N, C-alpha and C. Protein backbone atom coordinates (compact mmCIF):
# COMPACT_ATOMS: atom_id res chain seq x y z
N MET A 1 84.52 90.20 65.08
CA MET A 1 84.88 88.87 65.69
C MET A 1 84.68 88.79 67.15
N GLN A 2 84.01 87.73 67.54
CA GLN A 2 83.87 87.49 69.03
C GLN A 2 84.96 86.82 69.52
N ILE A 3 85.30 87.38 70.72
CA ILE A 3 86.69 86.62 71.51
C ILE A 3 86.14 85.86 72.61
N SER A 4 84.85 86.17 73.07
CA SER A 4 84.24 85.32 74.14
C SER A 4 82.74 85.56 73.84
N GLU A 5 81.97 84.88 74.58
CA GLU A 5 80.58 84.86 74.50
C GLU A 5 79.80 86.22 74.22
N HIS A 6 80.15 87.16 75.21
CA HIS A 6 79.63 88.46 75.24
C HIS A 6 80.57 89.71 74.82
N PHE A 7 81.85 89.40 74.31
CA PHE A 7 82.79 90.36 74.18
C PHE A 7 83.46 90.29 72.72
N SER A 8 83.51 91.37 72.03
CA SER A 8 83.92 91.29 70.67
C SER A 8 85.29 91.87 70.58
N LEU A 9 86.20 91.69 69.58
CA LEU A 9 87.47 92.28 69.41
C LEU A 9 87.15 93.71 69.13
N GLU A 10 86.15 94.06 68.51
CA GLU A 10 86.01 95.57 68.16
C GLU A 10 85.64 96.40 69.47
N GLU A 11 84.83 95.90 70.41
CA GLU A 11 84.73 96.73 71.79
C GLU A 11 85.80 96.63 72.42
N MET A 12 86.98 95.57 72.37
CA MET A 12 88.04 95.59 73.23
C MET A 12 89.19 96.28 72.60
N THR A 13 88.82 96.91 71.43
CA THR A 13 89.86 97.76 70.72
C THR A 13 89.37 99.19 70.38
N VAL A 14 88.12 99.39 70.68
CA VAL A 14 87.63 100.81 70.16
C VAL A 14 88.36 101.99 70.91
N THR A 15 88.52 103.04 70.34
CA THR A 15 89.26 104.06 70.80
C THR A 15 88.71 105.38 70.10
N SER A 16 88.73 106.34 70.97
CA SER A 16 88.28 107.74 70.37
C SER A 16 89.51 108.52 70.19
N GLN A 17 90.64 108.09 70.37
CA GLN A 17 92.06 108.93 70.36
C GLN A 17 92.20 109.17 68.76
N LYS A 18 92.48 110.46 68.45
CA LYS A 18 92.91 110.82 67.15
C LYS A 18 94.24 111.25 66.88
N GLY A 19 94.73 111.09 65.75
CA GLY A 19 96.14 111.51 65.34
C GLY A 19 96.02 112.91 64.90
N PRO A 20 97.10 113.64 64.48
CA PRO A 20 97.18 114.89 64.02
C PRO A 20 96.37 115.09 62.80
N ASP A 21 96.01 114.16 62.01
CA ASP A 21 95.24 114.18 60.70
C ASP A 21 93.82 114.23 61.14
N GLY A 22 93.45 114.12 62.39
CA GLY A 22 92.11 114.03 62.82
C GLY A 22 91.34 112.68 62.66
N LEU A 23 92.02 111.71 62.19
CA LEU A 23 91.54 110.40 62.08
C LEU A 23 91.69 109.52 63.21
N ARG A 24 90.98 108.65 63.60
CA ARG A 24 91.08 107.71 64.72
C ARG A 24 92.50 106.93 64.57
N LEU A 25 93.24 106.78 65.51
CA LEU A 25 94.36 106.02 65.56
C LEU A 25 94.22 104.59 65.41
N PRO A 26 95.00 103.82 64.72
CA PRO A 26 94.95 102.44 64.50
C PRO A 26 94.98 101.80 65.91
N ASN A 27 94.35 100.63 66.10
CA ASN A 27 94.37 100.09 67.37
C ASN A 27 94.14 98.58 67.32
N GLN A 28 95.04 98.01 66.63
CA GLN A 28 94.83 96.51 66.36
C GLN A 28 95.75 95.73 67.07
N PRO A 29 95.40 94.65 67.75
CA PRO A 29 96.51 93.99 68.54
C PRO A 29 97.19 93.05 67.78
N GLY A 30 98.38 92.65 68.12
CA GLY A 30 99.11 91.55 67.42
C GLY A 30 98.69 90.23 68.09
N PRO A 31 99.34 89.04 67.59
CA PRO A 31 98.96 87.69 68.16
C PRO A 31 99.11 87.77 69.84
N ASP A 32 100.12 88.22 70.36
CA ASP A 32 100.38 88.14 71.78
C ASP A 32 99.34 88.92 72.61
N GLU A 33 98.92 90.10 71.99
CA GLU A 33 98.06 90.84 72.68
C GLU A 33 96.68 90.35 72.42
N LEU A 34 96.18 89.53 71.35
CA LEU A 34 94.84 88.89 71.08
C LEU A 34 94.95 87.73 72.17
N HIS A 35 96.07 87.13 72.37
CA HIS A 35 95.98 86.03 73.36
C HIS A 35 95.60 86.47 74.59
N TYR A 36 96.14 87.56 75.11
CA TYR A 36 95.86 88.18 76.48
C TYR A 36 94.44 88.72 76.54
N LEU A 37 93.93 89.33 75.40
CA LEU A 37 92.52 89.80 75.35
C LEU A 37 91.45 88.73 75.47
N THR A 38 91.87 87.60 74.83
CA THR A 38 90.99 86.46 75.03
C THR A 38 90.95 86.00 76.37
N LYS A 39 92.13 85.89 77.05
CA LYS A 39 92.26 85.49 78.32
C LYS A 39 91.64 86.43 79.40
N LEU A 40 91.60 87.67 79.22
CA LEU A 40 91.04 88.68 79.89
C LEU A 40 89.40 88.47 79.89
N CYS A 41 88.97 88.33 78.63
CA CYS A 41 87.57 88.01 78.40
C CYS A 41 86.85 86.94 79.11
N THR A 42 87.70 85.69 78.85
CA THR A 42 87.09 84.46 79.30
C THR A 42 87.19 84.33 80.85
N THR A 43 88.53 84.70 81.42
CA THR A 43 88.75 84.53 82.76
C THR A 43 88.29 85.59 83.72
N LEU A 44 87.97 86.69 83.05
CA LEU A 44 87.57 87.72 84.09
C LEU A 44 86.25 88.57 83.62
N LEU A 45 86.12 88.95 82.40
CA LEU A 45 84.99 89.83 81.95
C LEU A 45 83.73 88.87 81.91
N GLU A 46 83.80 87.75 81.30
CA GLU A 46 82.67 86.91 81.33
C GLU A 46 82.18 86.67 82.85
N PRO A 47 83.17 86.01 83.71
CA PRO A 47 82.71 85.86 85.08
C PRO A 47 82.33 87.16 85.78
N ILE A 48 82.89 88.26 85.55
CA ILE A 48 82.33 89.51 86.05
C ILE A 48 80.93 89.75 85.65
N ARG A 49 80.55 89.69 84.45
CA ARG A 49 79.30 89.87 84.02
C ARG A 49 78.34 88.99 84.76
N ALA A 50 78.55 87.53 84.98
CA ALA A 50 77.81 86.71 85.66
C ALA A 50 77.69 87.07 87.19
N LEU A 51 78.89 87.46 87.74
CA LEU A 51 78.84 87.96 89.14
C LEU A 51 77.93 89.24 89.26
N TRP A 52 78.06 90.13 88.39
CA TRP A 52 77.31 91.41 88.57
C TRP A 52 75.70 91.16 88.20
N GLY A 53 75.35 90.12 87.24
CA GLY A 53 74.16 89.87 86.86
C GLY A 53 73.63 90.87 85.85
N CYS A 54 74.48 91.69 85.19
CA CYS A 54 74.31 92.59 84.19
C CYS A 54 75.34 92.74 83.16
N PRO A 55 75.06 93.52 82.12
CA PRO A 55 76.21 93.64 81.05
C PRO A 55 77.21 94.53 81.67
N VAL A 56 78.48 94.32 81.14
CA VAL A 56 79.67 95.01 81.37
C VAL A 56 80.05 95.82 80.25
N THR A 57 80.24 97.20 80.54
CA THR A 57 80.53 98.28 79.40
C THR A 57 81.94 98.39 79.56
N VAL A 58 82.70 98.17 78.37
CA VAL A 58 84.18 98.40 78.32
C VAL A 58 84.51 99.66 77.70
N SER A 59 84.98 100.55 78.57
CA SER A 59 85.32 102.00 78.07
C SER A 59 86.75 101.87 77.36
N SER A 60 87.66 101.04 77.74
CA SER A 60 88.96 101.01 77.24
C SER A 60 89.53 99.57 77.41
N GLY A 61 89.99 98.88 76.30
CA GLY A 61 90.56 97.72 76.49
C GLY A 61 92.07 97.82 76.01
N PHE A 62 92.45 96.99 74.99
CA PHE A 62 93.61 97.04 74.29
C PHE A 62 93.96 98.56 73.99
N ARG A 63 95.40 98.94 73.97
CA ARG A 63 95.83 100.27 73.49
C ARG A 63 96.97 100.04 72.75
N SER A 64 96.96 100.52 71.53
CA SER A 64 98.27 100.37 70.65
C SER A 64 99.23 101.38 71.13
N HIS A 65 100.59 101.36 70.67
CA HIS A 65 101.49 102.21 71.13
C HIS A 65 100.99 103.79 70.90
N ASP A 66 100.49 104.02 69.82
CA ASP A 66 100.10 105.46 69.67
C ASP A 66 98.90 105.93 70.47
N VAL A 67 97.86 105.03 70.66
CA VAL A 67 96.75 105.24 71.54
C VAL A 67 97.25 105.32 72.97
N GLU A 68 98.23 104.46 73.42
CA GLU A 68 98.70 104.51 74.86
C GLU A 68 99.43 105.79 75.04
N MET A 69 100.17 106.31 74.15
CA MET A 69 100.79 107.48 74.27
C MET A 69 99.96 108.72 74.42
N LYS A 70 98.88 108.67 73.71
CA LYS A 70 97.83 109.71 73.80
C LYS A 70 97.09 109.80 75.08
N VAL A 71 96.81 108.38 75.55
CA VAL A 71 96.06 108.40 76.97
C VAL A 71 96.90 108.50 78.18
N SER A 72 98.11 107.91 78.07
CA SER A 72 98.87 108.05 79.32
C SER A 72 100.34 108.59 79.19
N GLY A 73 100.85 108.70 78.12
CA GLY A 73 101.94 109.37 77.67
C GLY A 73 103.21 108.28 77.99
N LYS A 74 102.91 107.12 78.12
CA LYS A 74 103.74 105.96 78.39
C LYS A 74 103.57 104.81 77.61
N ASP A 75 104.59 104.07 77.15
CA ASP A 75 104.28 102.94 76.18
C ASP A 75 104.59 101.80 77.02
N TYR A 76 103.81 101.54 78.13
CA TYR A 76 103.83 100.28 78.76
C TYR A 76 102.75 100.14 79.52
N GLY A 77 102.43 99.07 80.13
CA GLY A 77 101.21 98.76 81.05
C GLY A 77 100.38 97.61 80.55
N GLN A 78 99.45 97.32 81.18
CA GLN A 78 98.61 96.09 80.92
C GLN A 78 97.76 96.41 79.74
N HIS A 79 97.10 97.64 79.57
CA HIS A 79 96.26 97.94 78.48
C HIS A 79 97.25 97.64 77.21
N ARG A 80 98.41 98.09 77.22
CA ARG A 80 99.25 97.93 76.06
C ARG A 80 99.47 96.51 75.68
N LYS A 81 99.52 95.65 76.57
CA LYS A 81 99.81 94.16 76.36
C LYS A 81 98.38 93.41 76.24
N GLY A 82 97.31 94.17 76.21
CA GLY A 82 95.97 93.33 76.07
C GLY A 82 95.48 92.70 77.33
N GLN A 83 96.08 93.18 78.53
CA GLN A 83 95.77 92.33 79.73
C GLN A 83 94.83 93.19 80.52
N ALA A 84 94.41 94.37 80.16
CA ALA A 84 93.50 95.12 80.96
C ALA A 84 92.36 95.73 80.26
N ALA A 85 91.23 95.91 81.12
CA ALA A 85 90.01 96.72 80.49
C ALA A 85 89.62 97.73 81.61
N ASP A 86 89.24 98.77 81.27
CA ASP A 86 88.39 99.67 82.15
C ASP A 86 86.94 99.57 81.87
N ILE A 87 86.22 99.14 83.05
CA ILE A 87 84.83 98.64 82.87
C ILE A 87 83.83 99.31 83.58
N LEU A 88 82.53 99.35 83.29
CA LEU A 88 81.45 100.06 84.15
C LEU A 88 80.40 98.87 84.04
N PRO A 89 79.55 98.94 85.28
CA PRO A 89 78.43 97.99 85.41
C PRO A 89 77.24 98.89 84.89
N THR A 90 76.22 97.98 84.63
CA THR A 90 74.90 98.65 84.28
C THR A 90 73.93 98.10 85.45
N GLY A 91 73.27 99.13 86.11
CA GLY A 91 72.33 98.65 87.10
C GLY A 91 72.95 98.57 88.58
N MET A 92 74.12 99.12 88.76
CA MET A 92 74.49 99.16 90.28
C MET A 92 75.82 100.36 90.21
N THR A 93 76.01 100.72 91.32
CA THR A 93 77.12 101.83 91.34
C THR A 93 78.43 101.17 91.13
N VAL A 94 79.44 102.06 90.72
CA VAL A 94 80.74 101.51 90.51
C VAL A 94 81.32 100.97 91.78
N VAL A 95 81.22 101.68 92.84
CA VAL A 95 81.66 101.12 94.21
C VAL A 95 81.05 99.74 94.52
N GLU A 96 79.68 99.51 94.21
CA GLU A 96 79.08 98.37 94.60
C GLU A 96 79.74 97.17 93.67
N ALA A 97 79.87 97.56 92.26
CA ALA A 97 80.49 96.64 91.44
C ALA A 97 81.89 96.24 91.74
N TYR A 98 82.82 97.11 92.23
CA TYR A 98 84.02 96.98 92.51
C TYR A 98 84.04 96.03 93.79
N GLU A 99 83.41 96.35 94.69
CA GLU A 99 83.42 95.54 95.89
C GLU A 99 82.89 93.96 95.68
N LYS A 100 82.04 93.86 94.68
CA LYS A 100 81.65 92.51 94.28
C LYS A 100 82.93 91.75 93.73
N ILE A 101 83.61 92.42 93.00
CA ILE A 101 84.84 91.71 92.42
C ILE A 101 85.74 91.49 93.58
N TRP A 102 85.88 92.47 94.40
CA TRP A 102 87.07 92.30 95.44
C TRP A 102 86.50 91.18 96.40
N ASN A 103 85.25 90.91 96.58
CA ASN A 103 84.71 89.97 97.52
C ASN A 103 84.68 88.56 96.77
N SER A 104 84.93 88.48 95.55
CA SER A 104 84.82 87.13 94.76
C SER A 104 86.34 86.58 94.85
N ASP A 105 86.32 85.37 94.27
CA ASP A 105 87.55 84.64 94.20
C ASP A 105 88.13 84.82 92.70
N LEU A 106 87.60 85.61 91.82
CA LEU A 106 88.12 85.82 90.68
C LEU A 106 89.77 86.17 90.47
N PRO A 107 90.45 85.47 89.61
CA PRO A 107 91.78 85.59 89.52
C PRO A 107 92.35 86.99 88.73
N TYR A 108 91.92 88.08 89.30
CA TYR A 108 92.34 89.31 88.86
C TYR A 108 93.79 89.54 89.22
N ASP A 109 94.72 90.32 88.35
CA ASP A 109 95.93 90.53 88.69
C ASP A 109 95.82 91.95 89.41
N GLN A 110 95.17 92.97 88.93
CA GLN A 110 94.89 94.20 89.44
C GLN A 110 93.49 94.50 89.39
N LEU A 111 92.96 95.24 90.47
CA LEU A 111 91.60 95.72 90.53
C LEU A 111 91.78 97.08 91.03
N LEU A 112 91.54 98.10 90.17
CA LEU A 112 91.63 99.47 90.49
C LEU A 112 90.34 100.17 90.53
N LEU A 113 90.13 101.08 91.48
CA LEU A 113 89.05 101.91 91.34
C LEU A 113 89.63 103.23 90.95
N GLU A 114 89.48 103.58 89.74
CA GLU A 114 90.07 104.90 89.11
C GLU A 114 88.99 105.99 89.02
N GLN A 115 89.61 107.28 89.09
CA GLN A 115 88.74 108.33 89.16
C GLN A 115 89.25 109.61 88.40
N SER A 116 88.43 110.30 87.70
CA SER A 116 88.96 111.60 87.14
C SER A 116 87.80 112.62 87.38
N GLY A 117 88.11 113.49 88.22
CA GLY A 117 86.83 114.33 88.63
C GLY A 117 85.85 113.53 89.44
N ASP A 118 84.65 113.71 88.92
CA ASP A 118 83.45 112.91 89.55
C ASP A 118 83.17 111.56 89.00
N VAL A 119 84.06 111.25 87.93
CA VAL A 119 83.69 110.03 87.20
C VAL A 119 84.60 108.88 87.67
N ARG A 120 84.00 107.82 87.87
CA ARG A 120 84.74 106.59 88.34
C ARG A 120 84.56 105.33 87.40
N TRP A 121 85.46 104.54 87.44
CA TRP A 121 85.48 103.31 86.53
C TRP A 121 86.41 102.28 87.38
N ILE A 122 86.25 101.06 86.92
CA ILE A 122 86.95 99.82 87.46
C ILE A 122 88.05 99.44 86.28
N HIS A 123 89.23 99.45 86.62
CA HIS A 123 90.31 98.85 85.87
C HIS A 123 90.55 97.34 86.32
N VAL A 124 90.49 96.42 85.52
CA VAL A 124 90.56 94.92 85.89
C VAL A 124 91.65 94.38 85.01
N SER A 125 92.56 93.73 85.49
CA SER A 125 93.63 93.04 84.57
C SER A 125 93.76 91.63 84.89
N CYS A 126 94.35 90.91 83.91
CA CYS A 126 94.71 89.43 84.12
C CYS A 126 96.25 89.35 84.23
N ALA A 127 96.67 88.46 84.84
CA ALA A 127 98.12 88.32 85.02
C ALA A 127 98.70 87.64 83.76
N PRO A 128 99.88 88.00 83.49
CA PRO A 128 100.63 87.26 82.43
C PRO A 128 100.61 85.81 82.56
N ASP A 129 100.86 85.09 81.68
CA ASP A 129 100.77 83.48 81.97
C ASP A 129 101.70 83.15 83.05
N ALA A 130 101.14 83.25 84.26
CA ALA A 130 101.79 82.94 85.46
C ALA A 130 100.84 82.25 86.31
N PRO A 131 101.14 81.31 87.26
CA PRO A 131 100.25 80.60 88.00
C PRO A 131 99.43 81.26 89.02
N ASN A 132 100.10 82.48 89.40
CA ASN A 132 99.39 83.14 90.63
C ASN A 132 99.26 84.70 90.25
N PRO A 133 98.03 85.14 90.02
CA PRO A 133 97.80 86.55 89.99
C PRO A 133 97.96 87.24 91.28
N ARG A 134 98.36 88.60 91.27
CA ARG A 134 98.66 89.24 92.46
C ARG A 134 97.39 89.68 93.38
N ARG A 135 96.19 89.64 92.68
CA ARG A 135 95.06 90.13 93.36
C ARG A 135 95.33 91.50 94.10
N MET A 136 95.97 92.45 93.46
CA MET A 136 96.09 93.67 94.08
C MET A 136 94.98 94.62 93.95
N ALA A 137 94.25 94.98 95.01
CA ALA A 137 93.11 95.91 94.93
C ALA A 137 93.46 97.25 95.38
N LEU A 138 93.30 98.26 94.65
CA LEU A 138 93.63 99.63 95.00
C LEU A 138 92.76 100.45 94.68
N TYR A 139 92.68 101.74 95.45
CA TYR A 139 91.85 102.79 95.03
C TYR A 139 92.53 104.08 95.26
N SER A 140 92.22 105.10 94.51
CA SER A 140 92.88 106.47 94.64
C SER A 140 92.01 107.42 95.26
N PRO A 141 92.30 107.92 96.42
CA PRO A 141 91.49 108.87 97.13
C PRO A 141 91.69 110.18 96.58
N ASP A 142 92.53 110.46 95.80
CA ASP A 142 92.94 111.78 95.22
C ASP A 142 92.97 111.87 93.70
N ASN A 143 92.08 111.32 93.01
CA ASN A 143 92.18 111.39 91.44
C ASN A 143 93.38 110.87 90.86
N GLY A 144 94.10 109.67 91.45
CA GLY A 144 95.20 109.17 90.90
C GLY A 144 96.59 109.71 91.27
N LYS A 145 96.66 110.65 92.11
CA LYS A 145 97.83 111.06 92.57
C LYS A 145 98.51 110.24 93.43
N SER A 146 97.70 109.37 94.11
CA SER A 146 98.27 108.36 94.90
C SER A 146 97.44 107.17 95.10
N TRP A 147 97.87 105.93 95.50
CA TRP A 147 97.13 104.62 95.62
C TRP A 147 97.21 104.25 96.91
N ASP A 148 96.19 103.68 97.43
CA ASP A 148 95.98 103.08 98.69
C ASP A 148 95.62 101.59 98.52
N TYR A 149 95.74 100.64 99.33
CA TYR A 149 95.20 99.32 99.23
C TYR A 149 93.73 99.46 99.83
N TYR A 150 92.99 98.72 99.03
CA TYR A 150 91.50 98.77 99.20
C TYR A 150 91.11 98.06 100.64
N LYS A 151 90.34 98.58 101.47
CA LYS A 151 89.75 97.84 102.61
C LYS A 151 88.29 98.12 102.82
N PRO A 152 87.41 97.17 103.08
CA PRO A 152 86.00 97.48 103.21
C PRO A 152 85.74 98.63 103.92
N GLY A 153 84.80 99.46 103.45
CA GLY A 153 84.25 100.63 104.14
C GLY A 153 84.94 101.96 103.67
N VAL A 154 86.02 102.05 102.95
CA VAL A 154 86.69 103.31 102.75
C VAL A 154 86.11 103.96 101.65
N LEU A 155 85.19 103.30 100.84
CA LEU A 155 84.80 103.94 99.70
C LEU A 155 83.23 104.46 100.04
N THR A 156 82.93 105.56 99.28
CA THR A 156 81.43 105.97 99.35
C THR A 156 80.88 106.10 98.00
């Protein structure tokens, strides 16, 4: 099922997380989560694709309770609500892609440059149904142990 021109429900819910039986964990959103996944795709991911001029790879979108517990150990957050996606660009560095979003007027709630070891990705989220997103842009200089507000020139 397509939820926007270039994004499907399948790619917004794909997971590699497995349960004790070795099978992939169920990861289907309810009506509220589907509402926000649609909002995320139409108000952020489609415009980011146009801004970047290249496809957007979604590495993580919606996370069910069981998936979120495996990934983060906590049952809250914007992924859990269908309001966030971890994304990667095609054809530019993650830092270049992050800075393009930061320099835009896109209505993101959070824009995070996340990192694990040498691997970086962008977390972008839409705001709950509220008039003003926070436009909070953060990066982690120490692999997620702390967060700093983004300023041009701090990333390499």
